[in-house]
Each structure stands twice: as structure tokens, then as C-alpha cells.
Amino acid sequence: MEIRILTLAELERAAHVIRRGYSTVAEEFKLTLANCPTNGAFLRTERLVMDFVKDEMIYGLYVDDVMQGVLQMQKTNDKVFYIKKLAVHPKFRHQGYGSALLQFAIEKSTQQGAERLELCVMEDDAALKKWILSKGFTHNGVKHNKNLPFALGKMEMLLTQKSH
């Protein structure tokens, strides 16, 4: 397994991995292009390219030289990084790759001087919330976005304690 920064040429494969990774949740929670067009299950490669051009960090997790996971992070400010996307192809789940991507995000954020790492999850996705909490994140409230058919659970990890 290898995790590395992606090039522009790799973004089409990354978008595919994100769509596949998010599609299982979209199916479970009945998300569609009509009711939740911004969900990763419906991600267009062009959107990822726009984020790439804005210098967002997009990494691929490779298994036997084939991308099977993606991590997308945004530097919110000097002290906060935000995980925008974390996806593992469904065929490669439950093998530690999601944990490896999350640990990679923690290490990269810490190396760049961030004090906090944030992400949002579907508040009703109990399994995902439990997994994120088990990795050292805390639940930091709920927010509602009028463009989403679900509430978002705000999660954060204080990194200052992780760097010691």
C-alpha cells in the first residue's frame, strides 16, 4: 500500500473511486442526484479538477499500483485542516485502508502546523460516526445545510496533543 499526492492525470480515477466509495451510503440513505447533487456518489471529475486547481490536497491510496482510496483535504486556515472526502473502493473496505488514509491526514496536518483537523459526516450514519470517534475525533455539534436532505455531524481532532 502506498499513499501519494495525485497529479491532474489521476483525477478521473480518483473521481471514480470517490463515486464508488460514496455510492453505498447514497444507496443506504436514498440519496439521489435530485435530492443531494453534491454527494460524492455523484462527483464529476471536473469538480475534482477545480478543487485541484485551487491547491486542495488530493491523495490516492494505491494497492498493487491501482488507486483504491482517496483523501481530499483543504487548509481552512493556518491552524485548521478540513477533510472534504475520504473514500475507499467498496471491494477494499475493512482492510485498514480507511484508517491508513485518516492517519495520513492526521500526520500531514500536524506536519504543516495545524492544531485541529475537522470533517463532517451524515449525523444519521451511526456506523461511520462510531468509526470516526474510535479514531480519536470528538463530536462537536450538528449543523444543517438547506441544500442537504440530512444533518451533518461536525467532528474534530485536536492535533496539538497528537504531535507529542
C-alpha atoms as a PDB file:
ATOM      1  CA  MET A   1       0.000   0.000   0.000  1.00  0.00           C
ATOM      2  CA  GLU A   2       1.181   3.490  -0.868  1.00  0.00           C
ATOM      3  CA  ILE A   3      -0.405   6.916  -0.322  1.00  0.00           C
ATOM      4  CA  ARG A   4       0.765   9.776  -2.514  1.00  0.00           C
ATOM      5  CA  ILE A   5      -0.296  13.150  -3.837  1.00  0.00           C
ATOM      6  CA  LEU A   6      -2.219  12.906  -7.104  1.00  0.00           C
ATOM      7  CA  THR A   7      -1.483  14.517 -10.422  1.00  0.00           C
ATOM      8  CA  LEU A   8      -4.040  16.089 -12.718  1.00  0.00           C
ATOM      9  CA  ALA A   9      -3.943  12.969 -14.899  1.00  0.00           C
ATOM     10  CA  GLU A  10      -5.022  10.780 -11.953  1.00  0.00           C
ATOM     11  CA  LEU A  11      -8.134  12.775 -11.038  1.00  0.00           C
ATOM     12  CA  GLU A  12     -10.502  10.853 -13.308  1.00  0.00           C
ATOM     13  CA  ARG A  13      -9.634   7.615 -11.480  1.00  0.00           C
ATOM     14  CA  ALA A  14      -9.892   9.447  -8.140  1.00  0.00           C
ATOM     15  CA  ALA A  15     -13.378  10.685  -9.008  1.00  0.00           C
ATOM     16  CA  HIS A  16     -14.353   7.106  -9.894  1.00  0.00           C
ATOM     17  CA  VAL A  17     -13.075   5.796  -6.547  1.00  0.00           C
ATOM     18  CA  ILE A  18     -14.948   8.549  -4.683  1.00  0.00           C
ATOM     19  CA  ARG A  19     -18.184   7.830  -6.569  1.00  0.00           C
ATOM     20  CA  ARG A  20     -17.907   4.101  -5.823  1.00  0.00           C
ATOM     21  CA  GLY A  21     -16.993   4.724  -2.191  1.00  0.00           C
ATOM     22  CA  TYR A  22     -19.868   7.110  -1.593  1.00  0.00           C
ATOM     23  CA  SER A  23     -22.402   5.136  -3.647  1.00  0.00           C
ATOM     24  CA  THR A  24     -23.036   2.567  -0.910  1.00  0.00           C
ATOM     25  CA  VAL A  25     -24.001   5.310   1.549  1.00  0.00           C
ATOM     26  CA  ALA A  26     -26.098   7.067  -1.095  1.00  0.00           C
ATOM     27  CA  GLU A  27     -27.998   3.828  -1.670  1.00  0.00           C
ATOM     28  CA  GLU A  28     -28.448   3.156   2.045  1.00  0.00           C
ATOM     29  CA  PHE A  29     -29.761   6.651   2.763  1.00  0.00           C
ATOM     30  CA  LYS A  30     -31.647   7.007  -0.540  1.00  0.00           C
ATOM     31  CA  LEU A  31     -29.587   9.944  -1.773  1.00  0.00           C
ATOM     32  CA  THR A  32     -30.050  10.828  -5.422  1.00  0.00           C
ATOM     33  CA  LEU A  33     -28.722  13.359  -7.869  1.00  0.00           C
ATOM     34  CA  ALA A  34     -32.051  15.167  -7.443  1.00  0.00           C
ATOM     35  CA  ASN A  35     -32.071  15.388  -3.626  1.00  0.00           C
ATOM     36  CA  CYS A  36     -28.313  15.565  -2.941  1.00  0.00           C
ATOM     37  CA  PRO A  37     -26.319  16.561  -6.055  1.00  0.00           C
ATOM     38  CA  THR A  38     -23.197  17.469  -4.056  1.00  0.00           C
ATOM     39  CA  ASN A  39     -22.770  13.982  -2.567  1.00  0.00           C
ATOM     40  CA  GLY A  40     -19.574  12.201  -3.552  1.00  0.00           C
ATOM     41  CA  ALA A  41     -21.623   9.452  -5.212  1.00  0.00           C
ATOM     42  CA  PHE A  42     -22.371  11.958  -7.979  1.00  0.00           C
ATOM     43  CA  LEU A  43     -18.972  13.671  -8.124  1.00  0.00           C
ATOM     44  CA  ARG A  44     -17.926  14.825 -11.556  1.00  0.00           C
ATOM     45  CA  THR A  45     -14.253  14.744 -12.465  1.00  0.00           C
ATOM     46  CA  GLU A  46     -14.475  18.439 -13.364  1.00  0.00           C
ATOM     47  CA  ARG A  47     -15.323  19.281  -9.734  1.00  0.00           C
ATOM     48  CA  LEU A  48     -12.224  17.481  -8.527  1.00  0.00           C
ATOM     49  CA  VAL A  49     -10.143  19.295 -11.159  1.00  0.00           C
ATOM     50  CA  MET A  50     -11.485  22.652  -9.904  1.00  0.00           C
ATOM     51  CA  ASP A  51     -10.507  21.721  -6.343  1.00  0.00           C
ATOM     52  CA  PHE A  52      -7.077  20.562  -7.547  1.00  0.00           C
ATOM     53  CA  VAL A  53      -6.506  23.890  -9.309  1.00  0.00           C
ATOM     54  CA  LYS A  54      -7.393  25.654  -6.009  1.00  0.00           C
ATOM     55  CA  ASP A  55      -4.449  23.767  -4.444  1.00  0.00           C
ATOM     56  CA  GLU A  56      -6.560  21.436  -2.357  1.00  0.00           C
ATOM     57  CA  MET A  57      -4.599  18.360  -1.349  1.00  0.00           C
ATOM     58  CA  ILE A  58      -5.795  15.201  -3.085  1.00  0.00           C
ATOM     59  CA  TYR A  59      -4.070  11.916  -2.288  1.00  0.00           C
ATOM     60  CA  GLY A  60      -4.513   8.438  -3.651  1.00  0.00           C
ATOM     61  CA  LEU A  61      -4.128   5.186  -1.788  1.00  0.00           C
ATOM     62  CA  TYR A  62      -2.666   2.551  -4.096  1.00  0.00           C
ATOM     63  CA  VAL A  63      -2.889  -1.202  -3.662  1.00  0.00           C
ATOM     64  CA  ASP A  64      -0.731  -3.108  -6.158  1.00  0.00           C
ATOM     65  CA  ASP A  65      -0.346   0.107  -8.194  1.00  0.00           C
ATOM     66  CA  VAL A  66      -4.126   0.595  -8.540  1.00  0.00           C
ATOM     67  CA  MET A  67      -5.817   3.525  -6.778  1.00  0.00           C
ATOM     68  CA  GLN A  68      -8.382   2.141  -4.325  1.00  0.00           C
ATOM     69  CA  GLY A  69      -8.743   5.053  -1.887  1.00  0.00           C
ATOM     70  CA  VAL A  70      -8.811   8.850  -1.973  1.00  0.00           C
ATOM     71  CA  LEU A  71      -8.283  11.578   0.603  1.00  0.00           C
ATOM     72  CA  GLN A  72      -9.091  15.207  -0.167  1.00  0.00           C
ATOM     73  CA  MET A  73      -8.132  17.913   2.339  1.00  0.00           C
ATOM     74  CA  GLN A  74      -8.444  21.652   2.426  1.00  0.00           C
ATOM     75  CA  LYS A  75      -6.387  24.035   4.506  1.00  0.00           C
ATOM     76  CA  THR A  76      -9.076  26.191   6.128  1.00  0.00           C
ATOM     77  CA  ASN A  77      -6.510  28.449   7.777  1.00  0.00           C
ATOM     78  CA  ASP A  78      -3.030  28.090   9.286  1.00  0.00           C
ATOM     79  CA  LYS A  79      -4.382  26.146  12.247  1.00  0.00           C
ATOM     80  CA  VAL A  80      -7.232  24.072  10.745  1.00  0.00           C
ATOM     81  CA  PHE A  81      -7.368  21.426   8.039  1.00  0.00           C
ATOM     82  CA  TYR A  82     -10.645  20.002   6.797  1.00  0.00           C
ATOM     83  CA  ILE A  83     -11.159  16.538   5.305  1.00  0.00           C
ATOM     84  CA  LYS A  84     -13.520  17.040   2.368  1.00  0.00           C
ATOM     85  CA  LYS A  85     -13.522  13.494   1.022  1.00  0.00           C
ATOM     86  CA  LEU A  86     -12.291  10.172   2.341  1.00  0.00           C
ATOM     87  CA  ALA A  87     -13.272   7.172   0.277  1.00  0.00           C
ATOM     88  CA  VAL A  88     -12.208   3.576  -0.158  1.00  0.00           C
ATOM     89  CA  HIS A  89     -13.489   1.449  -3.017  1.00  0.00           C
ATOM     90  CA  PRO A  90     -16.122  -0.906  -1.521  1.00  0.00           C
ATOM     91  CA  LYS A  91     -14.178  -4.021  -2.589  1.00  0.00           C
ATOM     92  CA  PHE A  92     -11.243  -2.856  -0.457  1.00  0.00           C
ATOM     93  CA  ARG A  93     -13.059  -1.905   2.738  1.00  0.00           C
ATOM     94  CA  HIS A  94     -12.400  -3.462   6.137  1.00  0.00           C
ATOM     95  CA  GLN A  95      -8.714  -3.933   5.359  1.00  0.00           C
ATOM     96  CA  GLY A  96      -7.388  -0.876   7.205  1.00  0.00           C
ATOM     97  CA  TYR A  97      -7.145   1.426   4.209  1.00  0.00           C
ATOM     98  CA  GLY A  98      -9.614   3.995   5.553  1.00  0.00           C
ATOM     99  CA  SER A  99      -7.687   4.048   8.819  1.00  0.00           C
ATOM    100  CA  ALA A 100      -4.439   4.492   6.886  1.00  0.00           C
ATOM    101  CA  LEU A 101      -5.905   7.460   4.985  1.00  0.00           C
ATOM    102  CA  LEU A 102      -7.176   9.020   8.201  1.00  0.00           C
ATOM    103  CA  GLN A 103      -3.809   8.546   9.915  1.00  0.00           C
ATOM    104  CA  PHE A 104      -2.117  10.052   6.861  1.00  0.00           C
ATOM    105  CA  ALA A 105      -4.421  13.105   7.128  1.00  0.00           C
ATOM    106  CA  ILE A 106      -3.520  13.490  10.814  1.00  0.00           C
ATOM    107  CA  GLU A 107       0.208  13.268  10.084  1.00  0.00           C
ATOM    108  CA  LYS A 108       0.109  15.669   7.098  1.00  0.00           C
ATOM    109  CA  SER A 109      -1.956  18.217   9.019  1.00  0.00           C
ATOM    110  CA  THR A 110       0.330  18.002  12.037  1.00  0.00           C
ATOM    111  CA  GLN A 111       3.472  18.334   9.874  1.00  0.00           C
ATOM    112  CA  GLN A 112       2.050  21.507   8.356  1.00  0.00           C
ATOM    113  CA  GLY A 113       1.397  23.057  11.759  1.00  0.00           C
ATOM    114  CA  ALA A 114      -2.344  22.530  12.031  1.00  0.00           C
ATOM    115  CA  GLU A 115      -3.806  22.414  15.513  1.00  0.00           C
ATOM    116  CA  ARG A 116      -7.143  20.921  14.520  1.00  0.00           C
ATOM    117  CA  LEU A 117      -8.455  18.505  11.897  1.00  0.00           C
ATOM    118  CA  GLU A 118     -12.143  18.686  11.053  1.00  0.00           C
ATOM    119  CA  LEU A 119     -14.658  16.752   8.996  1.00  0.00           C
ATOM    120  CA  CYS A 120     -18.399  16.312   8.733  1.00  0.00           C
ATOM    121  CA  VAL A 121     -20.369  13.089   8.471  1.00  0.00           C
ATOM    122  CA  MET A 122     -24.023  12.319   8.000  1.00  0.00           C
ATOM    123  CA  GLU A 123     -25.403  12.620  11.517  1.00  0.00           C
ATOM    124  CA  ASP A 124     -27.622   9.568  10.980  1.00  0.00           C
ATOM    125  CA  ASP A 125     -24.773   7.343   9.762  1.00  0.00           C
ATOM    126  CA  ALA A 126     -24.167   5.703  13.136  1.00  0.00           C
ATOM    127  CA  ALA A 127     -21.546   3.248  11.857  1.00  0.00           C
ATOM    128  CA  LEU A 128     -19.410   5.960  10.255  1.00  0.00           C
ATOM    129  CA  LYS A 129     -19.714   8.215  13.311  1.00  0.00           C
ATOM    130  CA  LYS A 130     -18.681   5.359  15.596  1.00  0.00           C
ATOM    131  CA  TRP A 131     -15.661   4.628  13.385  1.00  0.00           C
ATOM    132  CA  ILE A 132     -14.559   8.288  13.298  1.00  0.00           C
ATOM    133  CA  LEU A 133     -14.970   8.579  17.085  1.00  0.00           C
ATOM    134  CA  SER A 134     -12.892   5.409  17.548  1.00  0.00           C
ATOM    135  CA  LYS A 135     -10.034   7.156  15.702  1.00  0.00           C
ATOM    136  CA  GLY A 136      -9.805   9.929  18.292  1.00  0.00           C
ATOM    137  CA  PHE A 137     -12.207  12.509  16.890  1.00  0.00           C
ATOM    138  CA  THR A 138     -14.879  14.127  19.033  1.00  0.00           C
ATOM    139  CA  HIS A 139     -18.399  15.064  18.020  1.00  0.00           C
ATOM    140  CA  ASN A 140     -18.631  18.836  18.037  1.00  0.00           C
ATOM    141  CA  GLY A 141     -22.272  19.543  17.247  1.00  0.00           C
ATOM    142  CA  VAL A 142     -24.714  19.270  14.398  1.00  0.00           C
ATOM    143  CA  LYS A 143     -25.230  21.641  11.520  1.00  0.00           C
ATOM    144  CA  HIS A 144     -27.990  21.878   8.993  1.00  0.00           C
ATOM    145  CA  ASN A 145     -27.445  22.852   5.390  1.00  0.00           C
ATOM    146  CA  LYS A 146     -30.607  23.752   3.483  1.00  0.00           C
ATOM    147  CA  ASN A 147     -29.131  22.102   0.373  1.00  0.00           C
ATOM    148  CA  LEU A 148     -28.740  18.702   2.064  1.00  0.00           C
ATOM    149  CA  PRO A 149     -31.511  16.235   2.967  1.00  0.00           C
ATOM    150  CA  PHE A 150     -29.708  15.276   6.187  1.00  0.00           C
ATOM    151  CA  ALA A 151     -27.993  16.870   9.184  1.00  0.00           C
ATOM    152  CA  LEU A 152     -24.226  16.942   9.390  1.00  0.00           C
ATOM    153  CA  GLY A 153     -22.310  15.788  12.441  1.00  0.00           C
ATOM    154  CA  LYS A 154     -19.309  18.031  12.979  1.00  0.00           C
ATOM    155  CA  MET A 155     -16.236  16.076  14.055  1.00  0.00           C
ATOM    156  CA  GLU A 156     -12.846  17.362  15.124  1.00  0.00           C
ATOM    157  CA  MET A 157      -9.498  16.233  16.440  1.00  0.00           C
ATOM    158  CA  LEU A 158      -7.138  18.456  18.354  1.00  0.00           C
ATOM    159  CA  LEU A 159      -3.706  17.790  16.896  1.00  0.00           C
ATOM    160  CA  THR A 160      -1.515  19.543  19.407  1.00  0.00           C
ATOM    161  CA  GLN A 161      -1.760  16.509  21.685  1.00  0.00           C
ATOM    162  CA  LYS A 162      -1.023  14.152  18.738  1.00  0.00           C
ATOM    163  CA  SER A 163       2.348  15.744  17.976  1.00  0.00           C
ATOM    164  CA  HIS A 164       3.913  14.862  21.344  1.00  0.00           C
END
